[in-house]
Amino acid sequence: MTTTAAAVDDDQPTAPSPAGTRCFGDGDPLYERYHDTEWGVPVHGEHELLERLALEGFQSGLSWLTVLRKREAFRSAFAGFDAQVVAAYGPDDVERLLQDASIIRNRQKIEATLTNARALVALHDAGGSLDELVWSFAPAPRTEPPSSWTEVPAKTPESLALSKALKKAGFVFVGPITAYATMQACGLVDDHLATCPVVLARGSGGPETVVATA
């Protein structure tokens, strides 16, 4: 999900949020739940990280809410993002997925997901893991939350380095902006604004957020 000063979804504010409003998602229960319980929360696991990479790729040019609404369909279409299964998909599976109206039917993005599953299998065969690769580029935590979207970058030196490492490992659709969005989605960075209720709840001793399972 691209949520930066340089590229912000139509649903999101481009100026500092009023106190108590979310960074994005207010008014849609699915979007609110994602914002409150997933965005900026650490994500680990091979299936989980492959899913985030794939969905960030599918989002390109679209609203993140569109992707969220189709997430369960994506999970079904791509076998829960089990790399071993998806890596075995062939041309017939690509054609089948292009006929599946429940997902985003873009050949390049579908084929990129298959390519990335194969890259992950190769990474495992070499003794590595996507979890280890991605998290090795986590920067030091912010000392203060950003006050507005102008303080949220589109990409960083870490996202550029992550992008290069992923490409070297055979992954595609992983430019530095997509890599930074993945870092946001997977909790390597926490870009919740200072006025966000998630941040305000921390200051008042509210409960920590956890990754949602849906």
Protein backbone atom coordinates (compact mmCIF):
# COMPACT_ATOMS: atom_id res chain seq x y z
CA MET A 1 0.00 0.00 0.00
CA THR A 2 1.57 3.26 -1.12
CA THR A 3 1.01 5.83 1.61
CA THR A 4 3.52 8.62 1.23
CA ALA A 5 3.69 12.31 0.57
CA ALA A 6 4.64 11.53 -3.02
CA ALA A 7 1.92 8.98 -3.66
CA VAL A 8 -1.15 8.82 -1.43
CA ASP A 9 -4.40 6.99 -2.20
CA ASP A 10 -7.43 9.14 -3.02
CA ASP A 11 -8.98 7.98 0.26
CA GLN A 12 -6.17 9.48 2.32
CA PRO A 13 -5.53 13.02 3.57
CA THR A 14 -2.68 15.02 2.12
CA ALA A 15 -2.57 17.42 5.08
CA PRO A 16 -2.15 16.79 8.82
CA SER A 17 -5.10 14.83 10.17
CA PRO A 18 -7.41 16.41 12.78
CA ALA A 19 -6.87 14.92 16.23
CA GLY A 20 -8.42 11.49 16.52
CA THR A 21 -8.81 10.73 12.83
CA ARG A 22 -7.02 7.84 11.18
CA CYS A 23 -4.16 8.26 8.74
CA PHE A 24 -6.51 6.70 6.18
CA GLY A 25 -9.56 4.49 6.06
CA ASP A 26 -12.13 6.41 8.10
CA GLY A 27 -15.66 5.52 7.03
CA ASP A 28 -15.03 2.02 5.64
CA PRO A 29 -15.00 -0.80 8.24
CA LEU A 30 -12.60 -3.00 6.24
CA TYR A 31 -10.19 -0.13 5.65
CA GLU A 32 -10.45 1.01 9.27
CA ARG A 33 -9.68 -2.50 10.54
CA TYR A 34 -6.66 -2.77 8.26
CA HIS A 35 -5.37 0.61 9.43
CA ASP A 36 -5.95 -0.15 13.11
CA THR A 37 -4.69 -3.73 13.32
CA GLU A 38 -2.30 -4.38 10.44
CA TRP A 39 -0.61 -1.36 8.90
CA GLY A 40 2.71 -0.78 10.64
CA VAL A 41 2.45 -3.98 12.69
CA PRO A 42 5.34 -6.47 12.29
CA VAL A 43 4.61 -9.32 9.89
CA HIS A 44 6.69 -12.49 9.74
CA GLY A 45 6.38 -15.75 7.84
CA GLU A 46 7.05 -16.83 4.28
CA HIS A 47 3.41 -17.07 3.13
CA GLU A 48 2.55 -13.80 4.83
CA LEU A 49 5.43 -11.83 3.33
CA LEU A 50 4.92 -13.28 -0.14
CA GLU A 51 1.27 -12.23 0.11
CA ARG A 52 2.21 -8.66 1.06
CA LEU A 53 4.67 -8.41 -1.83
CA ALA A 54 2.10 -9.78 -4.25
CA LEU A 55 -0.70 -7.49 -3.09
CA GLU A 56 1.54 -4.42 -3.21
CA GLY A 57 2.28 -5.35 -6.82
CA PHE A 58 -1.39 -5.83 -7.64
CA GLN A 59 -2.19 -2.44 -6.10
CA SER A 60 -0.04 -0.57 -8.62
CA GLY A 61 -2.28 2.02 -10.27
CA LEU A 62 -5.26 1.11 -8.08
CA SER A 63 -6.71 1.94 -4.67
CA TRP A 64 -5.47 -0.19 -1.78
CA LEU A 65 -9.10 -0.60 -0.72
CA THR A 66 -9.78 -2.36 -4.02
CA VAL A 67 -7.04 -4.87 -3.16
CA LEU A 68 -8.26 -5.31 0.41
CA ARG A 69 -11.75 -6.16 -0.79
CA LYS A 70 -10.29 -8.89 -2.99
CA ARG A 71 -7.73 -10.23 -0.52
CA GLU A 72 -9.60 -13.42 0.35
CA ALA A 73 -10.10 -14.10 -3.35
CA PHE A 74 -6.37 -13.60 -3.92
CA ARG A 75 -5.59 -16.03 -1.13
CA SER A 76 -7.86 -18.61 -2.71
CA ALA A 77 -6.50 -18.03 -6.21
CA PHE A 78 -2.88 -18.28 -5.09
CA ALA A 79 -3.19 -21.21 -2.66
CA GLY A 80 -2.74 -19.07 0.44
CA PHE A 81 0.49 -17.77 -1.12
CA ASP A 82 2.20 -21.10 -0.59
CA ALA A 83 5.30 -20.60 -2.74
CA GLN A 84 5.73 -24.30 -3.50
CA VAL A 85 2.22 -24.52 -4.93
CA VAL A 86 2.23 -21.22 -6.81
CA ALA A 87 5.69 -21.87 -8.25
CA ALA A 88 4.23 -24.89 -10.03
CA TYR A 89 1.52 -22.86 -11.78
CA GLY A 90 1.89 -22.91 -15.54
CA PRO A 91 0.40 -21.17 -18.58
CA ASP A 92 -2.98 -22.85 -18.10
CA ASP A 93 -3.15 -21.49 -14.57
CA VAL A 94 -2.35 -18.00 -15.81
CA GLU A 95 -5.22 -18.23 -18.30
CA ARG A 96 -7.49 -19.58 -15.56
CA LEU A 97 -6.63 -16.68 -13.28
CA LEU A 98 -7.22 -14.20 -16.08
CA GLN A 99 -10.81 -15.47 -16.18
CA ASP A 100 -11.28 -15.11 -12.41
CA ALA A 101 -13.35 -11.97 -11.91
CA SER A 102 -12.85 -12.09 -8.13
CA ILE A 103 -9.22 -10.95 -8.44
CA ILE A 104 -7.43 -8.22 -10.40
CA ARG A 105 -7.03 -9.71 -13.85
CA ASN A 106 -3.73 -8.32 -15.04
CA ARG A 107 -1.44 -10.74 -16.85
CA GLN A 108 1.79 -8.98 -15.92
CA LYS A 109 0.88 -8.88 -12.22
CA ILE A 110 -0.28 -12.50 -12.20
CA GLU A 111 2.89 -13.66 -13.92
CA ALA A 112 4.96 -11.57 -11.50
CA THR A 113 3.35 -13.41 -8.58
CA LEU A 114 4.34 -16.74 -10.12
CA THR A 115 7.86 -15.46 -10.74
CA ASN A 116 8.14 -14.32 -7.13
CA ALA A 117 6.92 -17.67 -5.82
CA ARG A 118 9.63 -19.39 -7.87
CA ALA A 119 12.21 -16.92 -6.58
CA LEU A 120 11.14 -17.73 -3.03
CA VAL A 121 11.47 -21.46 -3.64
CA ALA A 122 14.97 -20.87 -5.02
CA LEU A 123 15.79 -18.73 -1.99
CA HIS A 124 14.69 -21.56 0.29
CA ASP A 125 16.70 -24.07 -1.72
CA ALA A 126 19.75 -21.86 -1.17
CA GLY A 127 19.17 -21.92 2.59
CA GLY A 128 17.63 -18.47 2.89
CA SER A 129 14.22 -17.12 3.78
CA LEU A 130 12.12 -14.16 2.71
CA ASP A 131 11.60 -13.25 6.36
CA GLU A 132 15.34 -12.98 6.95
CA LEU A 133 15.93 -11.09 3.70
CA VAL A 134 13.16 -8.53 4.20
CA TRP A 135 13.77 -7.88 7.88
CA SER A 136 17.52 -7.43 7.38
CA PHE A 137 16.65 -4.02 5.90
CA ALA A 138 14.56 -2.75 8.81
CA PRO A 139 15.77 0.74 9.78
CA ALA A 140 16.06 2.10 13.28
CA PRO A 141 12.61 3.01 14.66
CA ARG A 142 11.42 6.60 14.39
CA THR A 143 12.04 8.65 17.51
CA GLU A 144 8.80 10.58 16.93
CA PRO A 145 5.76 9.82 14.73
CA PRO A 146 5.39 11.98 11.61
CA SER A 147 3.15 15.01 12.03
CA SER A 148 1.93 14.96 8.42
CA TRP A 149 2.28 13.05 5.17
CA THR A 150 5.04 15.46 4.10
CA GLU A 151 7.25 13.67 6.63
CA VAL A 152 6.52 10.24 5.15
CA PRO A 153 8.90 9.36 2.32
CA ALA A 154 8.05 7.57 -0.91
CA LYS A 155 11.28 5.60 -0.66
CA THR A 156 14.33 5.44 1.56
CA PRO A 157 17.91 4.15 1.34
CA GLU A 158 16.70 0.99 3.07
CA SER A 159 13.86 0.45 0.59
CA LEU A 160 16.29 0.98 -2.29
CA ALA A 161 18.63 -1.60 -0.79
CA LEU A 162 15.74 -4.02 -0.18
CA SER A 163 14.57 -3.57 -3.75
CA LYS A 164 18.04 -4.36 -5.07
CA ALA A 165 18.34 -7.43 -2.85
CA LEU A 166 14.94 -8.76 -3.90
CA LYS A 167 15.73 -8.24 -7.58
CA LYS A 168 19.07 -9.98 -7.14
CA ALA A 169 17.16 -12.93 -5.64
CA GLY A 170 14.92 -13.06 -8.72
CA PHE A 171 11.87 -11.14 -7.49
CA VAL A 172 10.06 -8.72 -9.80
CA PHE A 173 7.62 -5.80 -9.34
CA VAL A 174 9.73 -4.75 -6.34
CA GLY A 175 10.97 -1.24 -7.08
CA PRO A 176 12.06 0.98 -4.17
CA ILE A 177 8.62 2.60 -3.80
CA THR A 178 6.87 -0.76 -3.72
CA ALA A 179 9.56 -1.98 -1.33
CA TYR A 180 8.88 0.94 1.01
CA ALA A 181 5.13 0.31 0.87
CA THR A 182 5.87 -3.30 1.80
CA MET A 183 8.03 -2.11 4.68
CA GLN A 184 5.08 -0.01 5.90
CA ALA A 185 2.62 -2.89 5.48
CA CYS A 186 4.90 -5.35 7.27
CA GLY A 187 5.88 -3.13 10.17
CA LEU A 188 9.54 -2.58 9.31
CA VAL A 189 8.59 1.07 9.59
CA ASP A 190 5.73 2.70 11.48
CA ASP A 191 4.40 5.76 9.67
CA HIS A 192 1.21 6.32 11.66
CA LEU A 193 0.77 10.07 12.03
CA ALA A 194 1.06 11.74 15.42
CA THR A 195 -2.65 12.61 15.34
CA CYS A 196 -3.71 9.03 14.54
CA PRO A 197 -5.79 7.20 17.18
CA VAL A 198 -3.37 4.26 16.97
CA VAL A 199 -0.57 6.55 18.15
CA LEU A 200 -2.78 8.33 20.67
CA ALA A 201 -3.83 4.98 22.16
CA ARG A 202 -0.19 4.08 22.74
CA GLY A 203 0.34 7.32 24.60
CA SER A 204 -2.64 6.63 26.83
CA GLY A 205 -1.58 3.08 27.57
CA GLY A 206 -4.05 1.58 25.11
CA PRO A 207 -3.66 -1.95 23.80
CA GLU A 208 -1.03 -2.78 21.24
CA THR A 209 -2.28 -3.58 17.78
CA VAL A 210 -1.92 -7.09 16.41
CA VAL A 211 -1.91 -8.50 12.91
CA ALA A 212 -5.44 -9.36 11.80
CA THR A 213 -6.11 -12.83 10.47
CA ALA A 214 -8.75 -11.74 7.96
